[in-house]
Amino acid sequence: MSTDSATSDDELRDRVVNFLRRNFPQIQMHGGSAAIQHLDRESGEVHIQLGGACSGCGISPMTIQAIKTRMVKEIPEINEVHANTGMDAGADGDMGGMSPSFPGETSSSDSDEGPQAPF
C-alpha cells in the first residue's frame, strides 16, 4: 500500500469517525460506543460495531438504520454500511422481520429512509 493510499484510508476513517461523533452524540451520551471494525475504501464498505449501552437498547435498530441511511449520503466514498450491536437480534440490527413502530406511525413503502430515530 502506498503512502498516498494509506493517507487516503486514514482520511476516510477520520471522516467516518467524525460523522459518527457529529451525527450521533447521543450514542456516547447514553453510555454507548461506536467503533469501525472494518473499512474497505476500494469496495466502499464500512462495518460499524455499536457497543456499551447500545447492546440490548430498544432504539439501537433505529440508530443503526439512521447511520446506514445518512452515512452513504454524506460520505460519497461509502457505498454500503454494515452495523450491529453484537446482540443476537441479527446482523445489521435485523430484528427477525420485526421493525420498531410507534403509536400513530404510518408505514410507507415509497421511502427507503427507514424509521426515524427520536433524536
N, C-alpha and C. Protein backbone atom coordinates (compact mmCIF):
# COMPACT_ATOMS: atom_id res chain seq x y z
N MET A 1 0.86 -1.18 0.00
CA MET A 1 0.00 0.00 0.00
C MET A 1 0.89 1.23 0.00
N SER A 2 0.63 2.14 -0.89
CA SER A 2 1.45 3.33 -0.99
C SER A 2 1.12 4.30 0.14
N THR A 3 2.00 5.26 0.31
CA THR A 3 1.80 6.27 1.35
C THR A 3 0.55 7.08 1.07
N ASP A 4 0.32 7.41 -0.21
CA ASP A 4 -0.89 8.17 -0.58
C ASP A 4 -2.14 7.38 -0.26
N SER A 5 -2.11 6.09 -0.54
CA SER A 5 -3.27 5.23 -0.26
C SER A 5 -3.51 5.12 1.24
N ALA A 6 -2.43 4.97 2.01
CA ALA A 6 -2.57 4.89 3.46
C ALA A 6 -3.12 6.19 4.02
N THR A 7 -2.66 7.32 3.49
CA THR A 7 -3.15 8.62 3.91
C THR A 7 -4.63 8.76 3.58
N SER A 8 -5.01 8.34 2.38
CA SER A 8 -6.41 8.39 1.97
C SER A 8 -7.28 7.52 2.86
N ASP A 9 -6.78 6.32 3.21
CA ASP A 9 -7.53 5.42 4.09
C ASP A 9 -7.70 6.05 5.47
N ASP A 10 -6.62 6.65 5.98
CA ASP A 10 -6.70 7.31 7.29
C ASP A 10 -7.66 8.49 7.24
N GLU A 11 -7.63 9.23 6.15
CA GLU A 11 -8.51 10.37 5.97
C GLU A 11 -9.98 9.93 5.93
N LEU A 12 -10.26 8.86 5.21
CA LEU A 12 -11.62 8.34 5.13
C LEU A 12 -12.07 7.82 6.49
N ARG A 13 -11.19 7.13 7.19
CA ARG A 13 -11.52 6.63 8.54
C ARG A 13 -11.85 7.81 9.46
N ASP A 14 -11.06 8.86 9.39
CA ASP A 14 -11.31 10.05 10.21
C ASP A 14 -12.66 10.67 9.87
N ARG A 15 -13.01 10.69 8.58
CA ARG A 15 -14.30 11.26 8.17
C ARG A 15 -15.46 10.43 8.71
N VAL A 16 -15.31 9.10 8.72
CA VAL A 16 -16.36 8.22 9.26
C VAL A 16 -16.49 8.44 10.77
N VAL A 17 -15.38 8.51 11.47
CA VAL A 17 -15.40 8.75 12.92
C VAL A 17 -16.05 10.10 13.22
N ASN A 18 -15.67 11.13 12.48
CA ASN A 18 -16.25 12.46 12.69
C ASN A 18 -17.74 12.47 12.37
N PHE A 19 -18.15 11.73 11.34
CA PHE A 19 -19.56 11.61 11.01
C PHE A 19 -20.33 11.03 12.20
N LEU A 20 -19.81 9.96 12.78
CA LEU A 20 -20.48 9.32 13.91
C LEU A 20 -20.56 10.27 15.11
N ARG A 21 -19.48 10.96 15.40
CA ARG A 21 -19.47 11.91 16.53
C ARG A 21 -20.42 13.07 16.30
N ARG A 22 -20.45 13.58 15.10
CA ARG A 22 -21.28 14.75 14.77
C ARG A 22 -22.76 14.40 14.72
N ASN A 23 -23.10 13.28 14.09
CA ASN A 23 -24.49 12.91 13.88
C ASN A 23 -25.10 12.10 15.01
N PHE A 24 -24.29 11.47 15.80
CA PHE A 24 -24.82 10.58 16.82
C PHE A 24 -24.14 10.77 18.18
N PRO A 25 -24.14 12.00 18.70
CA PRO A 25 -23.51 12.21 20.01
C PRO A 25 -24.25 11.49 21.12
N GLN A 26 -25.53 11.18 20.90
CA GLN A 26 -26.32 10.51 21.93
C GLN A 26 -25.80 9.09 22.20
N ILE A 27 -25.10 8.48 21.24
CA ILE A 27 -24.53 7.16 21.48
C ILE A 27 -23.61 7.23 22.69
N GLN A 28 -22.69 8.19 22.65
CA GLN A 28 -21.75 8.34 23.76
C GLN A 28 -22.43 8.89 25.01
N MET A 29 -23.35 9.85 24.83
CA MET A 29 -24.04 10.44 25.98
C MET A 29 -24.84 9.40 26.75
N HIS A 30 -25.32 8.37 26.07
CA HIS A 30 -26.13 7.34 26.72
C HIS A 30 -25.30 6.12 27.14
N GLY A 31 -23.98 6.25 27.10
CA GLY A 31 -23.12 5.17 27.58
C GLY A 31 -22.79 4.14 26.52
N GLY A 32 -23.06 4.46 25.26
CA GLY A 32 -22.75 3.54 24.18
C GLY A 32 -21.45 3.91 23.50
N SER A 33 -21.09 3.11 22.54
CA SER A 33 -19.87 3.38 21.78
C SER A 33 -20.08 2.92 20.34
N ALA A 34 -19.33 3.49 19.44
CA ALA A 34 -19.36 3.10 18.04
C ALA A 34 -17.91 2.99 17.56
N ALA A 35 -17.58 1.85 16.97
CA ALA A 35 -16.22 1.63 16.50
C ALA A 35 -16.23 1.07 15.09
N ILE A 36 -15.27 1.50 14.30
CA ILE A 36 -15.11 0.97 12.95
C ILE A 36 -14.41 -0.37 13.08
N GLN A 37 -15.08 -1.43 12.65
CA GLN A 37 -14.48 -2.76 12.68
C GLN A 37 -13.68 -3.04 11.42
N HIS A 38 -14.18 -2.53 10.29
CA HIS A 38 -13.51 -2.77 9.01
C HIS A 38 -13.91 -1.65 8.05
N LEU A 39 -12.96 -1.17 7.29
CA LEU A 39 -13.21 -0.14 6.29
C LEU A 39 -12.47 -0.53 5.02
N ASP A 40 -13.23 -0.70 3.95
CA ASP A 40 -12.65 -1.07 2.66
C ASP A 40 -12.93 0.05 1.67
N ARG A 41 -11.93 0.88 1.46
CA ARG A 41 -12.09 2.03 0.56
C ARG A 41 -12.41 1.58 -0.86
N GLU A 42 -11.79 0.48 -1.30
CA GLU A 42 -11.98 0.01 -2.67
C GLU A 42 -13.43 -0.38 -2.95
N SER A 43 -14.06 -1.10 -2.02
CA SER A 43 -15.46 -1.52 -2.23
C SER A 43 -16.45 -0.50 -1.68
N GLY A 44 -15.96 0.42 -0.85
CA GLY A 44 -16.84 1.42 -0.26
C GLY A 44 -17.65 0.89 0.91
N GLU A 45 -17.19 -0.20 1.52
CA GLU A 45 -17.91 -0.80 2.64
C GLU A 45 -17.26 -0.43 3.96
N VAL A 46 -18.12 -0.22 4.96
CA VAL A 46 -17.65 0.02 6.32
C VAL A 46 -18.50 -0.83 7.26
N HIS A 47 -17.83 -1.41 8.26
CA HIS A 47 -18.51 -2.20 9.29
C HIS A 47 -18.37 -1.45 10.61
N ILE A 48 -19.51 -1.14 11.21
CA ILE A 48 -19.55 -0.39 12.47
C ILE A 48 -20.08 -1.31 13.56
N GLN A 49 -19.42 -1.32 14.70
CA GLN A 49 -19.87 -2.09 15.86
C GLN A 49 -20.33 -1.12 16.94
N LEU A 50 -21.60 -1.20 17.31
CA LEU A 50 -22.12 -0.41 18.43
C LEU A 50 -21.97 -1.26 19.68
N GLY A 51 -21.49 -0.65 20.75
CA GLY A 51 -21.28 -1.40 21.98
C GLY A 51 -21.75 -0.64 23.19
N GLY A 52 -21.32 -1.10 24.35
CA GLY A 52 -21.73 -0.47 25.60
C GLY A 52 -23.22 -0.55 25.78
N ALA A 53 -23.84 0.57 26.11
CA ALA A 53 -25.28 0.61 26.36
C ALA A 53 -26.10 0.37 25.10
N CYS A 54 -25.48 0.44 23.92
CA CYS A 54 -26.22 0.16 22.67
C CYS A 54 -26.64 -1.30 22.60
N SER A 55 -25.84 -2.19 23.18
CA SER A 55 -26.18 -3.61 23.17
C SER A 55 -27.43 -3.82 24.02
N GLY A 56 -28.47 -4.27 23.36
CA GLY A 56 -29.72 -4.51 24.06
C GLY A 56 -30.63 -3.31 24.15
N CYS A 57 -30.20 -2.16 23.65
CA CYS A 57 -31.03 -0.95 23.71
C CYS A 57 -32.17 -1.09 22.70
N GLY A 58 -33.36 -0.72 23.11
CA GLY A 58 -34.54 -0.85 22.27
C GLY A 58 -34.53 0.02 21.03
N ILE A 59 -33.80 1.14 21.05
CA ILE A 59 -33.79 2.00 19.87
C ILE A 59 -32.52 1.82 19.02
N SER A 60 -31.67 0.86 19.38
CA SER A 60 -30.46 0.66 18.57
C SER A 60 -30.77 0.27 17.13
N PRO A 61 -31.86 -0.48 16.83
CA PRO A 61 -32.16 -0.73 15.40
C PRO A 61 -32.43 0.57 14.63
N MET A 62 -33.08 1.54 15.27
CA MET A 62 -33.32 2.82 14.60
C MET A 62 -32.03 3.59 14.43
N THR A 63 -31.15 3.53 15.42
CA THR A 63 -29.86 4.20 15.32
C THR A 63 -29.06 3.59 14.17
N ILE A 64 -29.06 2.26 14.08
CA ILE A 64 -28.35 1.58 13.01
C ILE A 64 -28.90 1.99 11.65
N GLN A 65 -30.21 2.03 11.52
CA GLN A 65 -30.82 2.41 10.24
C GLN A 65 -30.46 3.85 9.88
N ALA A 66 -30.47 4.74 10.87
CA ALA A 66 -30.12 6.14 10.62
C ALA A 66 -28.66 6.27 10.18
N ILE A 67 -27.77 5.51 10.82
CA ILE A 67 -26.35 5.53 10.44
C ILE A 67 -26.21 5.08 8.99
N LYS A 68 -26.86 3.96 8.65
CA LYS A 68 -26.77 3.42 7.29
C LYS A 68 -27.28 4.42 6.25
N THR A 69 -28.41 5.03 6.53
CA THR A 69 -29.03 5.94 5.57
C THR A 69 -28.22 7.22 5.39
N ARG A 70 -27.79 7.81 6.50
CA ARG A 70 -27.10 9.10 6.43
C ARG A 70 -25.66 9.00 5.95
N MET A 71 -24.95 7.95 6.37
CA MET A 71 -23.53 7.87 6.04
C MET A 71 -23.30 7.79 4.53
N VAL A 72 -24.09 6.98 3.83
CA VAL A 72 -23.89 6.86 2.38
C VAL A 72 -24.25 8.15 1.66
N LYS A 73 -25.10 8.97 2.25
CA LYS A 73 -25.45 10.25 1.65
C LYS A 73 -24.37 11.31 1.90
N GLU A 74 -23.76 11.27 3.08
CA GLU A 74 -22.79 12.31 3.46
C GLU A 74 -21.36 12.01 3.06
N ILE A 75 -21.02 10.74 2.93
CA ILE A 75 -19.64 10.37 2.59
C ILE A 75 -19.68 9.60 1.27
N PRO A 76 -19.39 10.28 0.17
CA PRO A 76 -19.54 9.67 -1.17
C PRO A 76 -18.73 8.39 -1.37
N GLU A 77 -17.62 8.24 -0.68
CA GLU A 77 -16.79 7.03 -0.85
C GLU A 77 -17.43 5.79 -0.22
N ILE A 78 -18.40 6.00 0.65
CA ILE A 78 -19.07 4.88 1.32
C ILE A 78 -20.31 4.48 0.53
N ASN A 79 -20.34 3.22 0.11
CA ASN A 79 -21.46 2.69 -0.67
C ASN A 79 -22.38 1.80 0.17
N GLU A 80 -21.80 1.16 1.18
CA GLU A 80 -22.57 0.23 1.99
C GLU A 80 -22.08 0.25 3.42
N VAL A 81 -23.04 0.29 4.35
CA VAL A 81 -22.72 0.31 5.77
C VAL A 81 -23.31 -0.93 6.42
N HIS A 82 -22.47 -1.64 7.14
CA HIS A 82 -22.92 -2.78 7.94
C HIS A 82 -22.73 -2.34 9.39
N ALA A 83 -23.77 -2.48 10.18
CA ALA A 83 -23.67 -2.08 11.58
C ALA A 83 -24.45 -3.07 12.43
N ASN A 84 -23.94 -3.35 13.62
CA ASN A 84 -24.66 -4.20 14.54
C ASN A 84 -24.23 -3.92 15.97
N THR A 85 -24.96 -4.51 16.89
CA THR A 85 -24.66 -4.31 18.31
C THR A 85 -23.99 -5.54 18.92
N GLY A 86 -23.85 -6.58 18.11
CA GLY A 86 -23.25 -7.80 18.65
C GLY A 86 -24.24 -8.65 19.41
N MET A 87 -25.49 -8.20 19.46
CA MET A 87 -26.53 -8.97 20.15
C MET A 87 -27.10 -10.00 19.17
N ASP A 88 -27.90 -10.90 19.65
CA ASP A 88 -28.49 -11.94 18.81
C ASP A 88 -29.69 -11.47 18.02
N ALA A 89 -29.95 -10.16 17.97
CA ALA A 89 -31.08 -9.64 17.21
C ALA A 89 -30.87 -9.86 15.73
N GLY A 90 -29.66 -10.13 15.33
CA GLY A 90 -29.38 -10.37 13.91
C GLY A 90 -28.37 -9.36 13.41
N ALA A 91 -27.77 -9.69 12.31
CA ALA A 91 -26.78 -8.79 11.73
C ALA A 91 -27.45 -7.51 11.26
N ASP A 92 -26.74 -6.46 11.32
CA ASP A 92 -27.20 -5.16 10.85
C ASP A 92 -28.46 -4.68 11.55
N GLY A 93 -28.67 -5.10 12.80
CA GLY A 93 -29.82 -4.62 13.56
C GLY A 93 -31.12 -5.26 13.15
N ASP A 94 -31.07 -6.33 12.36
CA ASP A 94 -32.28 -7.01 11.92
C ASP A 94 -32.92 -7.69 13.11
N MET A 95 -34.18 -7.40 13.31
CA MET A 95 -34.89 -7.95 14.45
C MET A 95 -35.77 -9.12 14.02
N GLY A 96 -35.30 -9.92 13.07
CA GLY A 96 -36.03 -11.09 12.66
C GLY A 96 -37.36 -10.77 12.00
N GLY A 97 -37.39 -9.77 11.14
CA GLY A 97 -38.62 -9.42 10.44
C GLY A 97 -39.43 -8.37 11.16
N MET A 98 -39.12 -8.11 12.40
CA MET A 98 -39.82 -7.07 13.15
C MET A 98 -39.13 -5.75 12.91
N SER A 99 -39.88 -4.69 12.92
CA SER A 99 -39.26 -3.38 12.86
C SER A 99 -39.91 -2.53 13.94
N PRO A 100 -39.15 -1.62 14.54
CA PRO A 100 -39.72 -0.81 15.59
C PRO A 100 -40.85 0.05 15.06
N SER A 101 -41.91 0.21 15.84
CA SER A 101 -43.00 1.08 15.44
C SER A 101 -43.52 1.80 16.67
N PHE A 102 -44.17 2.90 16.42
CA PHE A 102 -44.69 3.73 17.49
C PHE A 102 -46.13 4.06 17.19
N PRO A 103 -46.93 4.33 18.23
CA PRO A 103 -48.34 4.67 18.00
C PRO A 103 -48.46 5.85 17.04
N GLY A 104 -49.37 5.73 16.09
CA GLY A 104 -49.60 6.80 15.13
C GLY A 104 -48.65 6.80 13.95
N GLU A 105 -47.66 5.92 13.97
CA GLU A 105 -46.69 5.86 12.88
C GLU A 105 -47.31 5.12 11.70
N THR A 106 -47.13 5.66 10.51
CA THR A 106 -47.64 5.00 9.32
C THR A 106 -46.49 4.42 8.54
N SER A 107 -46.77 3.39 7.81
CA SER A 107 -45.75 2.72 7.02
C SER A 107 -45.89 3.15 5.57
N SER A 108 -44.78 3.51 4.96
CA SER A 108 -44.79 3.91 3.56
C SER A 108 -43.70 3.16 2.83
N SER A 109 -44.06 2.42 1.81
CA SER A 109 -43.06 1.67 1.06
C SER A 109 -42.36 2.53 0.02
N ASP A 110 -42.76 3.81 -0.11
CA ASP A 110 -42.15 4.70 -1.09
C ASP A 110 -40.79 5.21 -0.65
N SER A 111 -40.49 5.13 0.64
CA SER A 111 -39.26 5.71 1.16
C SER A 111 -38.34 4.61 1.67
N ASP A 112 -37.05 4.72 1.38
CA ASP A 112 -36.10 3.77 1.91
C ASP A 112 -35.29 4.38 3.05
N GLU A 113 -35.82 5.45 3.62
CA GLU A 113 -35.14 6.15 4.69
C GLU A 113 -35.11 5.35 5.98
N GLY A 114 -36.06 4.43 6.18
CA GLY A 114 -36.14 3.68 7.42
C GLY A 114 -36.77 4.50 8.50
N PRO A 115 -36.92 3.90 9.68
CA PRO A 115 -37.57 4.63 10.77
C PRO A 115 -36.69 5.78 11.24
N GLN A 116 -37.32 6.84 11.66
CA GLN A 116 -36.58 7.99 12.14
C GLN A 116 -36.28 7.82 13.63
N ALA A 117 -35.06 8.01 14.01
CA ALA A 117 -34.67 7.91 15.41
C ALA A 117 -35.23 9.12 16.15
N PRO A 118 -35.59 8.92 17.41
CA PRO A 118 -36.21 10.01 18.17
C PRO A 118 -35.23 11.04 18.72
N PHE A 119 -34.25 11.43 17.92
CA PHE A 119 -33.28 12.43 18.36
C PHE A 119 -32.91 13.32 17.23
